[in-house]
Amino acid sequence: MAWVHELKAHIADLEQDLVSSQTGAAELEADVVARTNWARHLETQLNEKIAHVRLMMAEQAEITGALERSRDAIVQLQAAVAGLREERRTAANSRWLRLGRTLHLGPDLRTPQE
């Protein structure tokens, strides 16, 4: 009957190992749940940051477009100003206006440097 006692002792050891394994499995499962929650939290933060970056990129694109339109308008205005200065210079050098300036009649379209 010694073998019965050995068998019962072996069964007790196996039951203790089973309890220990179940405890370890429960701890691992709790760890997996905690890590999953942490990963989900990180994913939420990442998605929020991605949405913010996309919003900022859209705003930057709008600002870039507005700057390009402003630059084009400035270039057009500079060309118009250059054209008007050339017209004024041409008019100021016209024989008829020079004759008018000599007779003190009509406008003096010369710039102060001339």
C-alpha atoms as a PDB file:
ATOM      1  CA  MET A   1       0.000   0.000   0.000  1.00  0.00           C
ATOM      2  CA  ALA A   2       2.946   2.237  -0.129  1.00  0.00           C
ATOM      3  CA  TRP A   3       2.275   2.740  -3.792  1.00  0.00           C
ATOM      4  CA  VAL A   4      -1.178   4.199  -2.874  1.00  0.00           C
ATOM      5  CA  HIS A   5       0.472   6.772  -0.619  1.00  0.00           C
ATOM      6  CA  GLU A   6       2.980   7.583  -3.350  1.00  0.00           C
ATOM      7  CA  LEU A   7       0.171   7.892  -5.863  1.00  0.00           C
ATOM      8  CA  LYS A   8      -1.822  10.165  -3.537  1.00  0.00           C
ATOM      9  CA  ALA A   9       1.291  12.298  -2.939  1.00  0.00           C
ATOM     10  CA  HIS A  10       1.903  12.491  -6.669  1.00  0.00           C
ATOM     11  CA  ILE A  11      -1.743  13.508  -7.252  1.00  0.00           C
ATOM     12  CA  ALA A  12      -1.414  16.188  -4.540  1.00  0.00           C
ATOM     13  CA  ASP A  13       1.752  17.487  -6.236  1.00  0.00           C
ATOM     14  CA  LEU A  14      -0.012  17.560  -9.598  1.00  0.00           C
ATOM     15  CA  GLU A  15      -3.003  19.391  -8.078  1.00  0.00           C
ATOM     16  CA  GLN A  16      -0.633  21.908  -6.519  1.00  0.00           C
ATOM     17  CA  ASP A  17       1.110  22.347  -9.888  1.00  0.00           C
ATOM     18  CA  LEU A  18      -2.316  22.815 -11.536  1.00  0.00           C
ATOM     19  CA  VAL A  19      -3.299  25.522  -9.032  1.00  0.00           C
ATOM     20  CA  SER A  20       0.067  27.185  -9.490  1.00  0.00           C
ATOM     21  CA  SER A  21      -0.305  27.052 -13.293  1.00  0.00           C
ATOM     22  CA  GLN A  22      -3.840  28.459 -13.095  1.00  0.00           C
ATOM     23  CA  THR A  23      -2.607  31.307 -10.897  1.00  0.00           C
ATOM     24  CA  GLY A  24       0.203  32.007 -13.350  1.00  0.00           C
ATOM     25  CA  ALA A  25      -2.235  31.910 -16.262  1.00  0.00           C
ATOM     26  CA  ALA A  26      -4.550  34.358 -14.468  1.00  0.00           C
ATOM     27  CA  GLU A  27      -1.604  36.697 -13.863  1.00  0.00           C
ATOM     28  CA  LEU A  28      -0.575  36.468 -17.514  1.00  0.00           C
ATOM     29  CA  GLU A  29      -4.151  37.117 -18.633  1.00  0.00           C
ATOM     30  CA  ALA A  30      -4.330  40.187 -16.374  1.00  0.00           C
ATOM     31  CA  ASP A  31      -1.027  41.363 -17.847  1.00  0.00           C
ATOM     32  CA  VAL A  32      -2.371  40.864 -21.385  1.00  0.00           C
ATOM     33  CA  VAL A  33      -5.516  42.862 -20.517  1.00  0.00           C
ATOM     34  CA  ALA A  34      -3.427  45.673 -19.031  1.00  0.00           C
ATOM     35  CA  ARG A  35      -1.123  45.781 -22.051  1.00  0.00           C
ATOM     36  CA  THR A  36      -4.095  45.706 -24.431  1.00  0.00           C
ATOM     37  CA  ASN A  37      -5.684  48.644 -22.614  1.00  0.00           C
ATOM     38  CA  TRP A  38      -2.376  50.500 -22.743  1.00  0.00           C
ATOM     39  CA  ALA A  39      -2.057  49.816 -26.489  1.00  0.00           C
ATOM     40  CA  ARG A  40      -5.628  51.010 -27.090  1.00  0.00           C
ATOM     41  CA  HIS A  41      -4.905  54.177 -25.127  1.00  0.00           C
ATOM     42  CA  LEU A  42      -1.789  54.789 -27.228  1.00  0.00           C
ATOM     43  CA  GLU A  43      -3.766  54.146 -30.402  1.00  0.00           C
ATOM     44  CA  THR A  44      -6.390  56.692 -29.326  1.00  0.00           C
ATOM     45  CA  GLN A  45      -3.700  59.275 -28.609  1.00  0.00           C
ATOM     46  CA  LEU A  46      -2.016  58.566 -31.925  1.00  0.00           C
ATOM     47  CA  ASN A  47      -5.292  58.926 -33.831  1.00  0.00           C
ATOM     48  CA  GLU A  48      -5.954  62.252 -32.098  1.00  0.00           C
ATOM     49  CA  LYS A  49      -2.482  63.498 -33.027  1.00  0.00           C
ATOM     50  CA  ILE A  50      -2.900  62.314 -36.612  1.00  0.00           C
ATOM     51  CA  ALA A  51      -6.221  64.168 -36.849  1.00  0.00           C
ATOM     52  CA  HIS A  52      -4.556  67.288 -35.444  1.00  0.00           C
ATOM     53  CA  VAL A  53      -1.668  67.047 -37.928  1.00  0.00           C
ATOM     54  CA  ARG A  54      -4.126  66.604 -40.806  1.00  0.00           C
ATOM     55  CA  LEU A  55      -6.047  69.674 -39.671  1.00  0.00           C
ATOM     56  CA  MET A  56      -2.842  71.685 -39.448  1.00  0.00           C
ATOM     57  CA  MET A  57      -1.778  70.485 -42.903  1.00  0.00           C
ATOM     58  CA  ALA A  58      -5.142  71.582 -44.333  1.00  0.00           C
ATOM     59  CA  GLU A  59      -4.756  74.998 -42.688  1.00  0.00           C
ATOM     60  CA  GLN A  60      -1.210  75.246 -44.000  1.00  0.00           C
ATOM     61  CA  ALA A  61      -2.436  74.423 -47.502  1.00  0.00           C
ATOM     62  CA  GLU A  62      -5.075  77.165 -47.245  1.00  0.00           C
ATOM     63  CA  ILE A  63      -2.487  79.672 -46.035  1.00  0.00           C
ATOM     64  CA  THR A  64      -0.075  78.653 -48.798  1.00  0.00           C
ATOM     65  CA  GLY A  65      -2.816  79.131 -51.389  1.00  0.00           C
ATOM     66  CA  ALA A  66      -3.688  82.551 -49.973  1.00  0.00           C
ATOM     67  CA  LEU A  67      -0.009  83.553 -50.018  1.00  0.00           C
ATOM     68  CA  GLU A  68       0.361  82.437 -53.628  1.00  0.00           C
ATOM     69  CA  ARG A  69      -2.743  84.417 -54.621  1.00  0.00           C
ATOM     70  CA  SER A  70      -1.396  87.460 -52.751  1.00  0.00           C
ATOM     71  CA  ARG A  71       1.985  87.087 -54.444  1.00  0.00           C
ATOM     72  CA  ASP A  72       0.308  86.893 -57.856  1.00  0.00           C
ATOM     73  CA  ALA A  73      -1.754  89.995 -57.054  1.00  0.00           C
ATOM     74  CA  ILE A  74       1.401  91.853 -55.940  1.00  0.00           C
ATOM     75  CA  VAL A  75       3.204  90.872 -59.147  1.00  0.00           C
ATOM     76  CA  GLN A  76       0.247  92.119 -61.204  1.00  0.00           C
ATOM     77  CA  LEU A  77       0.127  95.385 -59.265  1.00  0.00           C
ATOM     78  CA  GLN A  78       3.887  95.870 -59.643  1.00  0.00           C
ATOM     79  CA  ALA A  79       3.530  95.346 -63.392  1.00  0.00           C
ATOM     80  CA  ALA A  80       0.648  97.846 -63.490  1.00  0.00           C
ATOM     81  CA  VAL A  81       2.686 100.395 -61.515  1.00  0.00           C
ATOM     82  CA  ALA A  82       5.652  99.922 -63.840  1.00  0.00           C
ATOM     83  CA  GLY A  83       3.362 100.410 -66.833  1.00  0.00           C
ATOM     84  CA  LEU A  84       1.857 103.572 -65.348  1.00  0.00           C
ATOM     85  CA  ARG A  85       5.317 104.961 -64.537  1.00  0.00           C
ATOM     86  CA  GLU A  86       6.382 104.307 -68.115  1.00  0.00           C
ATOM     87  CA  GLU A  87       3.235 106.062 -69.403  1.00  0.00           C
ATOM     88  CA  ARG A  88       3.898 109.010 -67.105  1.00  0.00           C
ATOM     89  CA  ARG A  89       7.538 109.186 -68.212  1.00  0.00           C
ATOM     90  CA  THR A  90       6.482 109.017 -71.842  1.00  0.00           C
ATOM     91  CA  ALA A  91       3.861 111.719 -71.276  1.00  0.00           C
ATOM     92  CA  ALA A  92       6.314 113.917 -69.371  1.00  0.00           C
ATOM     93  CA  ASN A  93       8.752 113.683 -72.287  1.00  0.00           C
ATOM     94  CA  SER A  94       6.112 114.462 -74.895  1.00  0.00           C
ATOM     95  CA  ARG A  95       6.796 117.560 -77.020  1.00  0.00           C
ATOM     96  CA  TRP A  96       3.359 118.995 -76.285  1.00  0.00           C
ATOM     97  CA  LEU A  97       3.759 118.753 -72.506  1.00  0.00           C
ATOM     98  CA  ARG A  98       7.282 120.142 -72.673  1.00  0.00           C
ATOM     99  CA  LEU A  99       5.909 123.098 -74.684  1.00  0.00           C
ATOM    100  CA  GLY A 100       3.148 123.492 -72.052  1.00  0.00           C
ATOM    101  CA  ARG A 101       5.719 123.504 -69.233  1.00  0.00           C
ATOM    102  CA  THR A 102       7.745 126.119 -71.097  1.00  0.00           C
ATOM    103  CA  LEU A 103       4.648 128.299 -71.410  1.00  0.00           C
ATOM    104  CA  HIS A 104       3.636 127.466 -67.811  1.00  0.00           C
ATOM    105  CA  LEU A 105       0.473 125.730 -69.049  1.00  0.00           C
ATOM    106  CA  GLY A 106      -0.669 122.171 -68.196  1.00  0.00           C
ATOM    107  CA  PRO A 107       0.637 119.742 -65.605  1.00  0.00           C
ATOM    108  CA  ASP A 108       4.258 119.089 -64.776  1.00  0.00           C
ATOM    109  CA  LEU A 109       4.467 115.275 -64.882  1.00  0.00           C
ATOM    110  CA  ARG A 110       8.182 115.077 -64.275  1.00  0.00           C
ATOM    111  CA  THR A 111       9.275 113.282 -61.118  1.00  0.00           C
ATOM    112  CA  PRO A 112      11.268 115.314 -58.608  1.00  0.00           C
ATOM    113  CA  GLN A 113      14.539 113.571 -59.639  1.00  0.00           C
ATOM    114  CA  GLU A 114      14.255 114.786 -63.210  1.00  0.00           C
END
